[in-house]
C-alpha cells in the first residue's frame, strides 16, 4: 500500500481479499501481511474498512500482520478497533512480519 489510504482504497483491498479467500481453487490463506511503510495517512472510513478486514480474517482464521506502522497510524487503528490480538500482529518492518509468518509455518510443520 502507498499514499493516503481512504475509504475507496481500503474497501477495494477488502474486496480483493474476500475474492482471494473465497476462491476455492487457490490454496487456503493462513496469513495476510499489510505493509504500511509507504502509507502516509488513513482516514476514519479506511480504519473502519480495516476493522471489517480483521473481522473477515477472524471468521476465516487468518493471521493479520501489520508492518511498518507509524505510531500515529497504530494509535488510529487501535482507537478504531484494530488493536493487537491473537489474530492481529504488529511487526516493525515487512521483513520482520514475513519472518514471523515463516516461523509460524515452520513451527506447524514440525508438529
Protein backbone atom coordinates (compact mmCIF):
# COMPACT_ATOMS: atom_id res chain seq x y z
CA UNK A 1 0.00 0.00 0.00
CA UNK A 2 1.10 3.55 -0.51
CA UNK A 3 -0.03 7.13 -0.18
CA UNK A 4 -3.01 8.30 1.80
CA UNK A 5 -5.49 5.46 2.40
CA UNK A 6 -9.13 6.49 2.23
CA UNK A 7 -12.38 4.52 2.07
CA UNK A 8 -12.22 3.65 -1.63
CA UNK A 9 -8.68 2.29 -1.46
CA UNK A 10 -9.27 0.32 1.73
CA UNK A 11 -12.59 -1.08 0.56
CA UNK A 12 -11.01 -2.21 -2.71
CA UNK A 13 -8.40 -4.09 -0.66
CA UNK A 14 -11.12 -5.72 1.47
CA UNK A 15 -12.97 -6.77 -1.67
CA UNK A 16 -9.81 -8.26 -3.21
CA UNK A 17 -9.06 -10.20 -0.04
CA UNK A 18 -12.61 -11.57 0.08
CA UNK A 19 -12.36 -12.73 -3.52
CA UNK A 20 -9.00 -14.38 -2.87
CA UNK A 21 -10.07 -16.13 0.34
CA UNK A 22 -13.34 -17.43 -1.07
CA UNK A 23 -11.73 -18.74 -4.27
CA UNK A 24 -11.69 -22.47 -3.54
CA UNK A 25 -9.36 -23.19 -6.47
CA UNK A 26 -6.50 -21.43 -4.64
CA UNK A 27 -4.67 -22.65 -1.51
CA UNK A 28 -6.10 -21.57 1.82
CA UNK A 29 -4.54 -18.41 3.30
CA UNK A 30 -3.13 -18.56 6.80
CA UNK A 31 -1.52 -15.11 6.88
CA UNK A 32 -2.17 -11.70 5.44
CA UNK A 33 0.66 -9.16 5.66
CA UNK A 34 -0.18 -5.50 5.14
CA UNK A 35 2.82 -3.19 4.86
CA UNK A 36 2.30 0.46 5.81
CA UNK A 37 5.85 1.63 5.05
CA UNK A 38 4.71 3.79 2.14
CA UNK A 39 1.42 4.90 3.70
CA UNK A 40 1.40 8.48 4.89
CA UNK A 41 -2.05 8.51 6.48
CA UNK A 42 -5.53 7.00 6.75
CA UNK A 43 -8.96 8.45 7.14
CA UNK A 44 -11.57 7.14 9.59
CA UNK A 45 -13.53 5.29 6.91
CA UNK A 46 -10.35 3.44 5.91
CA UNK A 47 -9.90 2.42 9.55
CA UNK A 48 -13.47 1.06 9.50
CA UNK A 49 -12.62 -0.96 6.38
CA UNK A 50 -9.55 -2.42 8.10
CA UNK A 51 -11.76 -3.40 11.06
CA UNK A 52 -14.01 -5.25 8.58
CA UNK A 53 -10.90 -6.94 7.23
CA UNK A 54 -9.99 -8.02 10.77
CA UNK A 55 -13.46 -9.48 11.29
CA UNK A 56 -13.20 -11.32 7.98
CA UNK A 57 -9.76 -12.64 8.97
CA UNK A 58 -11.13 -13.85 12.30
CA UNK A 59 -14.00 -15.64 10.57
CA UNK A 60 -11.53 -17.44 8.29
CA UNK A 61 -8.76 -17.96 10.90
CA UNK A 62 -6.24 -15.83 9.04
CA UNK A 63 -3.46 -14.04 10.93
CA UNK A 64 -3.40 -10.36 10.05
CA UNK A 65 0.15 -8.96 10.25
CA UNK A 66 0.50 -5.17 10.08
CA UNK A 67 4.02 -3.94 9.37
CA UNK A 68 5.85 -0.61 9.39
CA UNK A 69 3.09 1.26 11.19
CA UNK A 70 3.94 4.74 12.38
CA UNK A 71 2.95 5.36 15.98
CA UNK A 72 0.20 7.72 14.76
CA UNK A 73 -1.28 5.11 12.41
CA UNK A 74 -1.02 2.40 15.06
CA UNK A 75 -2.85 4.64 17.53
CA UNK A 76 -5.50 5.46 14.93
CA UNK A 77 -6.07 1.79 14.06
CA UNK A 78 -6.18 0.71 17.70
CA UNK A 79 -8.59 3.51 18.57
CA UNK A 80 -10.79 2.42 15.66
CA UNK A 81 -10.93 -1.20 16.84
CA UNK A 82 -7.88 -2.85 15.30
CA UNK A 83 -5.86 -3.49 18.45
CA UNK A 84 -3.28 -6.23 18.74
CA UNK A 85 -4.93 -9.56 19.45
CA UNK A 86 -4.49 -13.23 18.72
CA UNK A 87 -5.49 -12.54 15.12
CA UNK A 88 -3.73 -9.15 14.68
CA UNK A 89 0.05 -8.86 14.97
CA UNK A 90 2.32 -5.85 14.52
CA UNK A 91 5.87 -6.03 13.20
CA UNK A 92 8.33 -3.17 12.85
CA UNK A 93 9.21 -3.99 9.21
CA UNK A 94 7.91 -6.03 6.32
CA UNK A 95 10.87 -8.39 6.67
CA UNK A 96 10.10 -8.95 10.36
CA UNK A 97 6.43 -9.60 9.58
CA UNK A 98 7.22 -12.13 6.87
CA UNK A 99 9.81 -13.77 9.12
CA UNK A 100 7.20 -14.18 11.86
CA UNK A 101 4.85 -15.86 9.35
CA UNK A 102 7.65 -18.18 8.23
CA UNK A 103 8.37 -19.13 11.84
CA UNK A 104 4.71 -19.97 12.38
CA UNK A 105 4.65 -22.16 9.27
CA UNK A 106 7.83 -23.98 10.35
CA UNK A 107 6.52 -24.50 13.86
CA UNK A 108 3.31 -26.01 12.48
CA UNK A 109 5.23 -28.25 10.08
CA UNK A 110 7.38 -29.60 12.93
CA UNK A 111 4.34 -30.83 14.89
